[in-house]
Amino acid sequence: MEKGAVVWLKSGGPAMTVKVDISRNEWVCTWFTPQSEVREHTFFADQLTDKDPNSYLSSFDDFDELEDDDDIDDSILRKN
């Protein structure tokens, strides 16, 4: 990862921007809270990912894995 890269915690959360590369294993990241406040914290490399874990499709390395709509259970999208 490099300065300016957009990253997320692997566990989810808001998009963050890499501000400073402290070492090969630590980065300072900044992000906005829902109240538009800027936050900053140091994270270890193994805590971060460049794929949005909040997105269903980000879990697929290759979108071809979704060959057709039958692969997705859209019943959860319907209102009861």
Protein backbone atom coordinates (compact mmCIF):
# COMPACT_ATOMS: atom_id res chain seq x y z
CA MET A 1 0.00 0.00 0.00
CA GLU A 2 1.15 3.49 -0.65
CA LYS A 3 0.31 7.00 0.48
CA GLY A 4 -3.11 8.03 -0.84
CA ALA A 5 -4.39 4.46 -1.26
CA VAL A 6 -7.98 3.77 -0.20
CA VAL A 7 -8.19 0.91 2.32
CA TRP A 8 -10.62 -0.70 4.77
CA LEU A 9 -10.30 -2.71 7.91
CA LYS A 10 -10.71 -6.37 7.00
CA SER A 11 -13.55 -6.50 9.52
CA GLY A 12 -15.41 -3.70 7.70
CA GLY A 13 -16.04 -0.05 8.38
CA PRO A 14 -15.54 3.18 6.47
CA ALA A 15 -13.14 3.73 3.59
CA MET A 16 -9.86 5.20 4.84
CA THR A 17 -6.97 6.93 3.10
CA VAL A 18 -3.38 5.95 3.83
CA LYS A 19 -1.74 9.13 5.11
CA VAL A 20 1.71 8.00 6.21
CA ASP A 21 3.73 4.81 5.79
CA ILE A 22 5.41 4.49 9.22
CA SER A 23 7.09 1.21 8.39
CA ARG A 24 6.56 -1.75 6.09
CA ASN A 25 4.07 -3.04 8.64
CA GLU A 26 2.31 0.10 9.94
CA TRP A 27 0.26 2.83 8.29
CA VAL A 28 -1.48 5.94 9.57
CA CYS A 29 -4.94 6.17 8.00
CA THR A 30 -7.56 8.92 8.05
CA TRP A 31 -11.32 8.71 7.52
CA PHE A 32 -14.51 10.67 8.08
CA THR A 33 -17.09 9.74 10.70
CA PRO A 34 -20.82 9.91 9.83
CA GLN A 35 -20.75 13.34 11.53
CA SER A 36 -18.05 14.51 9.05
CA GLU A 37 -15.33 14.52 11.69
CA VAL A 38 -11.84 13.52 10.59
CA ARG A 39 -10.31 10.59 12.46
CA GLU A 40 -6.79 9.19 12.30
CA HIS A 41 -5.24 5.98 13.62
CA THR A 42 -2.24 3.71 13.09
CA PHE A 43 -2.99 0.23 11.77
CA PHE A 44 -0.89 -2.85 11.12
CA ALA A 45 -0.74 -4.11 7.54
CA ASP A 46 -2.50 -7.37 8.36
CA GLN A 47 -5.56 -5.41 9.56
CA LEU A 48 -6.10 -3.65 6.22
CA THR A 49 -7.35 -4.57 2.75
CA ASP A 50 -7.73 -2.70 -0.53
CA LYS A 51 -11.02 -4.51 -1.24
CA ASP A 52 -14.21 -3.18 0.35
CA PRO A 53 -15.35 -5.87 2.83
CA ASN A 54 -18.68 -4.05 3.19
CA SER A 55 -19.59 -4.96 -0.39
CA TYR A 56 -21.09 -8.37 -1.17
CA LEU A 57 -19.29 -8.60 -4.48
CA SER A 58 -15.90 -7.68 -3.02
CA SER A 59 -15.67 -11.21 -1.66
CA PHE A 60 -15.41 -12.54 -5.23
CA ASP A 61 -11.93 -12.34 -6.71
CA ASP A 62 -13.39 -13.04 -10.13
CA PHE A 63 -16.86 -11.76 -11.00
CA ASP A 64 -17.17 -14.60 -13.54
CA GLU A 65 -17.94 -16.79 -10.53
CA LEU A 66 -21.42 -15.27 -10.72
CA GLU A 67 -22.39 -16.90 -13.97
CA ASP A 68 -26.09 -16.07 -13.79
CA ASP A 69 -28.74 -14.71 -11.46
CA ASP A 70 -29.49 -18.22 -10.19
CA ASP A 71 -26.25 -18.05 -8.18
CA ILE A 72 -27.65 -15.28 -6.00
CA ASP A 73 -30.49 -15.89 -3.53
CA ASP A 74 -32.48 -12.71 -4.07
CA SER A 75 -35.25 -13.80 -1.73
CA ILE A 76 -33.55 -11.75 0.99
CA LEU A 77 -34.15 -8.67 -1.12
CA ARG A 78 -37.91 -9.16 -1.32
CA LYS A 79 -40.18 -7.59 1.27
CA ASN A 80 -42.44 -10.02 3.07
